[in-house]
Amino acid sequence: MVELIDAIGLAIVPVIFKGVDKDTPAYVMRERANVNAEIMGRFAAMLYCGDEVGMEVLDLIAHFTAYMQVEHQHSMKRFLGPDGGMSKLRQARANKGSIQ
C-alpha cells in the first residue's frame, strides 16, 4: 500500500502544484497542500478498504485525510515558516544579488 500511495503522490503533485514558482504566496501553497492531502487521504482510504467498500470508508477518508493534512502542515512549516527553506532560499538569492 505504501508503494502505491507513493506512486500516486508522485503522479499528482506535478498537477496540483503546476504553475507554482518563487512568487507564489504561501497561502496558495498551503491551499494546494490541503487539496493534495484530501486527494491522498481518499486514495489511502479506498486502498485500505480493499475489495469491499462500505460505509466505513467515510470514517477512513476522514482519518487518512486528517493524517495527510497534519503531515503536509509539518512539511509546509519546514518550507514556508520564517526560518523555512523558502525563506532561506530567498535570503540567499537576495544576498547573491546584492554582492554582484
C-alpha atoms as a PDB file:
ATOM      1  CA  MET A   1       0.000   0.000   0.000  1.00  0.00           C
ATOM      2  CA  VAL A   2       2.818   2.420   0.835  1.00  0.00           C
ATOM      3  CA  GLU A   3       4.446   1.941  -2.571  1.00  0.00           C
ATOM      4  CA  LEU A   4       1.163   2.597  -4.334  1.00  0.00           C
ATOM      5  CA  ILE A   5       0.451   5.729  -2.276  1.00  0.00           C
ATOM      6  CA  ASP A   6       3.970   6.992  -3.022  1.00  0.00           C
ATOM      7  CA  ALA A   7       3.478   6.380  -6.755  1.00  0.00           C
ATOM      8  CA  ILE A   8       0.095   8.151  -6.745  1.00  0.00           C
ATOM      9  CA  GLY A   9       1.611  11.068  -4.829  1.00  0.00           C
ATOM     10  CA  LEU A  10       4.428  11.413  -7.331  1.00  0.00           C
ATOM     11  CA  ALA A  11       1.887  11.411 -10.158  1.00  0.00           C
ATOM     12  CA  ILE A  12      -0.459  14.066  -8.770  1.00  0.00           C
ATOM     13  CA  VAL A  13       1.987  16.503  -7.154  1.00  0.00           C
ATOM     14  CA  PRO A  14       3.107  17.988 -10.505  1.00  0.00           C
ATOM     15  CA  VAL A  15      -0.528  18.594 -11.431  1.00  0.00           C
ATOM     16  CA  ILE A  16      -1.571  20.104  -8.090  1.00  0.00           C
ATOM     17  CA  PHE A  17       1.494  22.327  -7.841  1.00  0.00           C
ATOM     18  CA  LYS A  18       1.651  23.257 -11.536  1.00  0.00           C
ATOM     19  CA  GLY A  19       2.498  26.914 -12.003  1.00  0.00           C
ATOM     20  CA  VAL A  20       3.993  27.340  -8.533  1.00  0.00           C
ATOM     21  CA  ASP A  21       7.131  29.426  -8.581  1.00  0.00           C
ATOM     22  CA  LYS A  22       9.180  31.719  -6.359  1.00  0.00           C
ATOM     23  CA  ASP A  23       6.452  34.355  -6.411  1.00  0.00           C
ATOM     24  CA  THR A  24       3.650  32.037  -5.319  1.00  0.00           C
ATOM     25  CA  PRO A  25       2.207  33.246  -1.995  1.00  0.00           C
ATOM     26  CA  ALA A  26       2.460  30.912   0.988  1.00  0.00           C
ATOM     27  CA  TYR A  27      -1.327  30.717   1.357  1.00  0.00           C
ATOM     28  CA  VAL A  28      -1.592  29.287  -2.175  1.00  0.00           C
ATOM     29  CA  MET A  29       0.999  26.652  -1.325  1.00  0.00           C
ATOM     30  CA  ARG A  30      -0.958  25.738   1.794  1.00  0.00           C
ATOM     31  CA  GLU A  31      -4.242  25.545  -0.133  1.00  0.00           C
ATOM     32  CA  ARG A  32      -2.683  23.240  -2.696  1.00  0.00           C
ATOM     33  CA  ALA A  33      -1.139  21.110   0.039  1.00  0.00           C
ATOM     34  CA  ASN A  34      -4.611  20.741   1.577  1.00  0.00           C
ATOM     35  CA  VAL A  35      -6.016  19.645  -1.788  1.00  0.00           C
ATOM     36  CA  ASN A  36      -3.177  17.151  -2.072  1.00  0.00           C
ATOM     37  CA  ALA A  37      -3.906  15.838   1.431  1.00  0.00           C
ATOM     38  CA  GLU A  38      -7.598  15.440   0.602  1.00  0.00           C
ATOM     39  CA  ILE A  39      -6.872  13.500  -2.571  1.00  0.00           C
ATOM     40  CA  MET A  40      -4.235  11.306  -0.948  1.00  0.00           C
ATOM     41  CA  GLY A  41      -6.451  10.658   2.075  1.00  0.00           C
ATOM     42  CA  ARG A  42      -9.236   9.450  -0.194  1.00  0.00           C
ATOM     43  CA  PHE A  43      -6.895   7.199  -2.149  1.00  0.00           C
ATOM     44  CA  ALA A  44      -5.464   5.747   1.064  1.00  0.00           C
ATOM     45  CA  ALA A  45      -8.936   5.072   2.474  1.00  0.00           C
ATOM     46  CA  MET A  46     -10.044   3.257  -0.669  1.00  0.00           C
ATOM     47  CA  LEU A  47      -6.879   1.175  -0.784  1.00  0.00           C
ATOM     48  CA  TYR A  48      -7.213   0.315   2.898  1.00  0.00           C
ATOM     49  CA  CYS A  49     -10.777  -0.970   2.337  1.00  0.00           C
ATOM     50  CA  GLY A  50      -9.621  -3.408  -0.286  1.00  0.00           C
ATOM     51  CA  ASP A  51     -12.213  -5.188  -2.401  1.00  0.00           C
ATOM     52  CA  GLU A  52     -15.226  -4.389  -0.245  1.00  0.00           C
ATOM     53  CA  VAL A  53     -16.060  -0.768   0.285  1.00  0.00           C
ATOM     54  CA  GLY A  54     -18.855   0.006   2.711  1.00  0.00           C
ATOM     55  CA  MET A  55     -19.929   2.953   4.803  1.00  0.00           C
ATOM     56  CA  GLU A  56     -16.787   2.617   6.920  1.00  0.00           C
ATOM     57  CA  VAL A  57     -14.927   4.246   4.053  1.00  0.00           C
ATOM     58  CA  LEU A  58     -16.307   7.607   5.225  1.00  0.00           C
ATOM     59  CA  ASP A  59     -14.555   7.249   8.589  1.00  0.00           C
ATOM     60  CA  LEU A  60     -11.411   6.059   6.856  1.00  0.00           C
ATOM     61  CA  ILE A  61     -11.451   9.034   4.475  1.00  0.00           C
ATOM     62  CA  ALA A  62     -11.731  11.388   7.450  1.00  0.00           C
ATOM     63  CA  HIS A  63      -8.920   9.544   9.265  1.00  0.00           C
ATOM     64  CA  PHE A  64      -6.481   9.356   6.359  1.00  0.00           C
ATOM     65  CA  THR A  65      -7.219  12.876   5.148  1.00  0.00           C
ATOM     66  CA  ALA A  66      -6.598  14.281   8.638  1.00  0.00           C
ATOM     67  CA  TYR A  67      -3.332  12.335   8.809  1.00  0.00           C
ATOM     68  CA  MET A  68      -2.222  13.611   5.408  1.00  0.00           C
ATOM     69  CA  GLN A  69      -3.140  17.194   6.346  1.00  0.00           C
ATOM     70  CA  VAL A  70      -1.037  17.020   9.518  1.00  0.00           C
ATOM     71  CA  GLU A  71       1.918  15.659   7.553  1.00  0.00           C
ATOM     72  CA  HIS A  72       1.526  18.346   4.891  1.00  0.00           C
ATOM     73  CA  GLN A  73       1.295  21.065   7.565  1.00  0.00           C
ATOM     74  CA  HIS A  74       4.571  19.871   9.071  1.00  0.00           C
ATOM     75  CA  SER A  75       6.184  19.998   5.632  1.00  0.00           C
ATOM     76  CA  MET A  76       4.768  23.440   4.927  1.00  0.00           C
ATOM     77  CA  LYS A  77       6.094  24.773   8.249  1.00  0.00           C
ATOM     78  CA  ARG A  78       9.569  23.480   7.405  1.00  0.00           C
ATOM     79  CA  PHE A  79       9.336  25.029   3.956  1.00  0.00           C
ATOM     80  CA  LEU A  80       7.275  28.201   4.400  1.00  0.00           C
ATOM     81  CA  GLY A  81       7.924  29.204   8.010  1.00  0.00           C
ATOM     82  CA  PRO A  82      10.076  32.204   8.988  1.00  0.00           C
ATOM     83  CA  ASP A  83      13.197  30.027   9.084  1.00  0.00           C
ATOM     84  CA  GLY A  84      11.929  27.593   6.456  1.00  0.00           C
ATOM     85  CA  GLY A  85      13.555  26.520   3.249  1.00  0.00           C
ATOM     86  CA  MET A  86      11.778  29.125   1.117  1.00  0.00           C
ATOM     87  CA  SER A  87      12.912  31.949   3.400  1.00  0.00           C
ATOM     88  CA  LYS A  88      16.476  30.685   3.299  1.00  0.00           C
ATOM     89  CA  LEU A  89      16.398  30.454  -0.500  1.00  0.00           C
ATOM     90  CA  ARG A  90      15.025  33.966  -0.824  1.00  0.00           C
ATOM     91  CA  GLN A  91      17.624  35.311   1.598  1.00  0.00           C
ATOM     92  CA  ALA A  92      20.453  33.560  -0.221  1.00  0.00           C
ATOM     93  CA  ARG A  93      19.149  34.902  -3.513  1.00  0.00           C
ATOM     94  CA  ALA A  94      18.914  38.434  -2.094  1.00  0.00           C
ATOM     95  CA  ASN A  95      22.448  38.199  -0.710  1.00  0.00           C
ATOM     96  CA  LYS A  96      23.768  36.954  -4.028  1.00  0.00           C
ATOM     97  CA  GLY A  97      22.039  39.789  -5.862  1.00  0.00           C
ATOM     98  CA  SER A  98      23.489  42.422  -3.551  1.00  0.00           C
ATOM     99  CA  ILE A  99      27.022  41.108  -3.917  1.00  0.00           C
ATOM    100  CA  GLN A 100      27.031  41.460  -7.692  1.00  0.00           C
END
